[in-house]
Amino acid sequence: MILIFVASLNENMKLANTIKADLDKQSIDSKIINLVELNLPMYDTFKEQNDGIPLVALDLAKEMEKASAYVIVSPEYNYGVPPVLVNTIAWISRIGDDFRALFTLKTIQLATHSGSGGEDLLNSLRSQFTRLGSIVMPREIIATYVNHVKEDSLEKILVQFTNLIKG
């Protein structure tokens, strides 16, 4: 199972659906998780100490444990990572004794639909997920309002991604 995390609606959700359709063509089981709809409270240590980890984060962690890989589909916000994605990673990293557990040796494919091309976002995510122990694919899926994803490029990138997962 590949989990496709989407950190915004609109164009990035369209891109996630395109990626899912391509994985379906390869007979690869995948699921889209809309991080906006999870509606996780903003992380802070007092909230965690007083209320514990939200059930929705615990449920997400269970799905992540079973997944073989992740696709992260996110726009670039002000040359960085959107708050909903940062917040999700913050909550997930608090589950269990090892903050890297749900990321270590998980293969990650990065994707973005961003007005500026998302280069700063992709560099930031690559750095963060690498430090969390993930294997981040060398090529990204990039779309803008002017340059849409090319189907043949998307297919090549996703075949490389799934071949790595299959070993």
Protein backbone atom coordinates (compact mmCIF):
# COMPACT_ATOMS: atom_id res chain seq x y z
CA MET A 1 0.00 0.00 0.00
CA ILE A 2 1.26 3.44 -0.94
CA LEU A 3 -0.16 6.38 0.99
CA ILE A 4 -0.56 9.60 -0.98
CA PHE A 5 -0.55 12.56 1.39
CA VAL A 6 -2.07 15.77 0.03
CA ALA A 7 -1.30 19.03 1.82
CA SER A 8 -3.85 21.23 0.07
CA LEU A 9 -6.96 21.07 -2.01
CA ASN A 10 -7.53 22.20 -5.62
CA GLU A 11 -4.53 21.68 -7.95
CA ASN A 12 -2.56 19.45 -5.60
CA MET A 13 -5.59 17.22 -5.07
CA LYS A 14 -5.95 16.97 -8.85
CA LEU A 15 -2.27 16.01 -9.07
CA ALA A 16 -2.76 13.39 -6.31
CA ASN A 17 -5.70 11.91 -8.22
CA THR A 18 -3.58 11.77 -11.38
CA ILE A 19 -0.80 9.99 -9.48
CA LYS A 20 -3.30 7.55 -7.96
CA ALA A 21 -4.77 6.81 -11.40
CA ASP A 22 -1.29 6.06 -12.74
CA LEU A 23 -0.57 3.75 -9.80
CA ASP A 24 -3.93 2.04 -10.40
CA LYS A 25 -2.83 1.39 -14.02
CA GLN A 26 0.23 -0.36 -12.59
CA SER A 27 -2.05 -2.39 -10.27
CA ILE A 28 -0.44 -0.74 -7.26
CA ASP A 29 -2.67 -0.34 -4.21
CA SER A 30 -2.74 3.27 -3.03
CA LYS A 31 -4.83 5.57 -0.91
CA ILE A 32 -5.13 9.36 -0.85
CA ILE A 33 -5.04 10.99 2.58
CA ASN A 34 -6.17 14.61 2.60
CA LEU A 35 -4.23 16.24 5.43
CA VAL A 36 -6.56 19.25 5.46
CA GLU A 37 -9.56 17.02 6.19
CA LEU A 38 -7.76 15.34 9.10
CA ASN A 39 -8.26 18.63 10.94
CA LEU A 40 -5.44 17.95 13.41
CA PRO A 41 -5.12 20.58 16.14
CA MET A 42 -1.99 22.72 15.93
CA TYR A 43 0.77 20.85 17.73
CA ASP A 44 2.21 22.17 20.95
CA THR A 45 3.71 20.36 23.93
CA PHE A 46 1.07 21.63 26.38
CA LYS A 47 -1.72 20.33 24.16
CA GLU A 48 0.01 16.95 23.96
CA GLN A 49 0.59 16.83 27.74
CA ASN A 50 -2.97 17.89 28.57
CA ASP A 51 -4.99 16.13 25.86
CA GLY A 52 -2.68 13.42 24.56
CA ILE A 53 -2.12 12.59 20.92
CA PRO A 54 -5.32 13.00 18.87
CA LEU A 55 -7.04 9.78 17.84
CA VAL A 56 -6.88 10.82 14.17
CA ALA A 57 -3.06 11.01 14.42
CA LEU A 58 -2.92 7.59 16.09
CA ASP A 59 -5.13 6.11 13.35
CA LEU A 60 -2.94 7.71 10.68
CA ALA A 61 0.16 6.23 12.31
CA LYS A 62 -1.38 2.74 12.10
CA GLU A 63 -1.95 3.21 8.37
CA MET A 64 1.59 4.52 7.94
CA GLU A 65 3.04 1.46 9.70
CA LYS A 66 1.37 -0.81 7.13
CA ALA A 67 2.33 1.30 4.10
CA SER A 68 5.31 0.38 1.94
CA ALA A 69 5.89 3.95 0.76
CA TYR A 70 4.54 7.49 0.67
CA VAL A 71 3.88 10.09 -1.98
CA ILE A 72 3.86 13.64 -0.62
CA VAL A 73 1.86 16.07 -2.77
CA SER A 74 2.17 19.63 -1.54
CA PRO A 75 2.19 23.21 -2.75
CA GLU A 76 4.95 25.61 -1.80
CA TYR A 77 3.74 28.22 0.70
CA ASN A 78 5.85 31.36 0.90
CA TYR A 79 8.93 29.40 -0.28
CA GLY A 80 8.37 26.71 2.31
CA VAL A 81 6.28 23.83 3.60
CA PRO A 82 2.55 24.37 4.24
CA PRO A 83 1.55 24.43 7.92
CA VAL A 84 -0.80 21.44 7.57
CA LEU A 85 2.10 19.21 6.46
CA VAL A 86 4.48 20.52 9.15
CA ASN A 87 1.78 19.98 11.77
CA THR A 88 1.05 16.43 10.64
CA ILE A 89 4.73 15.51 10.75
CA ALA A 90 4.98 17.08 14.23
CA TRP A 91 2.12 14.96 15.62
CA ILE A 92 3.26 11.75 13.90
CA SER A 93 6.81 12.17 15.21
CA ARG A 94 5.46 12.22 18.80
CA ILE A 95 3.95 8.74 18.60
CA GLY A 96 6.04 6.03 20.22
CA ASP A 97 9.60 6.13 21.51
CA ASP A 98 11.35 6.82 18.19
CA PHE A 99 10.35 10.03 16.43
CA ARG A 100 11.72 8.65 13.15
CA ALA A 101 9.89 5.31 13.33
CA LEU A 102 7.19 6.02 10.75
CA PHE A 103 9.70 7.49 8.29
CA THR A 104 12.81 5.32 8.62
CA LEU A 105 13.50 3.42 5.39
CA LYS A 106 10.14 4.43 3.88
CA THR A 107 10.51 5.32 0.22
CA ILE A 108 9.07 8.76 -0.54
CA GLN A 109 8.13 10.31 -3.85
CA LEU A 110 7.80 14.10 -3.74
CA ALA A 111 5.27 15.96 -5.89
CA THR A 112 4.07 19.53 -6.14
CA HIS A 113 1.77 21.82 -8.02
CA SER A 114 3.10 25.27 -7.18
CA GLY A 115 2.94 28.60 -8.94
CA SER A 116 6.70 29.05 -8.71
CA GLY A 117 7.67 25.44 -9.37
CA GLY A 118 8.12 24.47 -5.72
CA GLU A 119 11.91 24.20 -5.69
CA ASP A 120 12.30 25.55 -2.14
CA LEU A 121 9.52 23.26 -0.88
CA LEU A 122 11.07 20.21 -2.52
CA ASN A 123 14.54 20.98 -1.16
CA SER A 124 13.11 21.45 2.33
CA LEU A 125 11.09 18.22 2.21
CA ARG A 126 14.03 16.27 0.79
CA SER A 127 16.24 17.47 3.64
CA GLN A 128 13.65 16.79 6.34
CA PHE A 129 12.61 13.33 5.16
CA THR A 130 16.22 12.28 4.59
CA ARG A 131 17.08 13.29 8.15
CA LEU A 132 14.03 11.33 9.35
CA GLY A 133 15.60 8.28 7.70
CA SER A 134 13.48 8.05 4.55
CA ILE A 135 14.67 7.12 1.08
CA VAL A 136 13.63 10.07 -1.07
CA MET A 137 13.40 9.49 -4.80
CA PRO A 138 15.84 11.58 -6.86
CA ARG A 139 13.24 12.91 -9.33
CA GLU A 140 10.22 14.94 -8.32
CA ILE A 141 6.81 15.32 -9.93
CA ILE A 142 6.43 19.03 -10.65
CA ALA A 143 3.49 20.92 -12.11
CA THR A 144 2.68 24.61 -12.40
CA TYR A 145 -0.22 26.53 -13.89
CA VAL A 146 1.82 26.89 -17.10
CA ASN A 147 3.62 23.53 -17.19
CA HIS A 148 1.31 20.62 -16.55
CA VAL A 149 2.56 17.13 -15.73
CA LYS A 150 3.56 15.21 -18.82
CA GLU A 151 1.98 11.77 -18.75
CA ASP A 152 5.06 9.97 -20.09
CA SER A 153 7.34 11.63 -17.50
CA LEU A 154 4.87 10.88 -14.70
CA GLU A 155 4.71 7.26 -15.74
CA LYS A 156 8.51 6.91 -15.84
CA ILE A 157 8.93 8.50 -12.42
CA LEU A 158 6.23 6.33 -10.85
CA VAL A 159 7.55 3.14 -12.45
CA GLN A 160 11.00 3.88 -10.97
CA PHE A 161 9.36 4.61 -7.60
CA THR A 162 7.32 1.39 -7.57
CA ASN A 163 10.23 -0.71 -8.85
CA LEU A 164 12.32 0.47 -5.92
CA ILE A 165 9.55 -0.45 -3.51
CA LYS A 166 9.14 -3.90 -5.03
CA GLY A 167 12.91 -4.44 -4.69
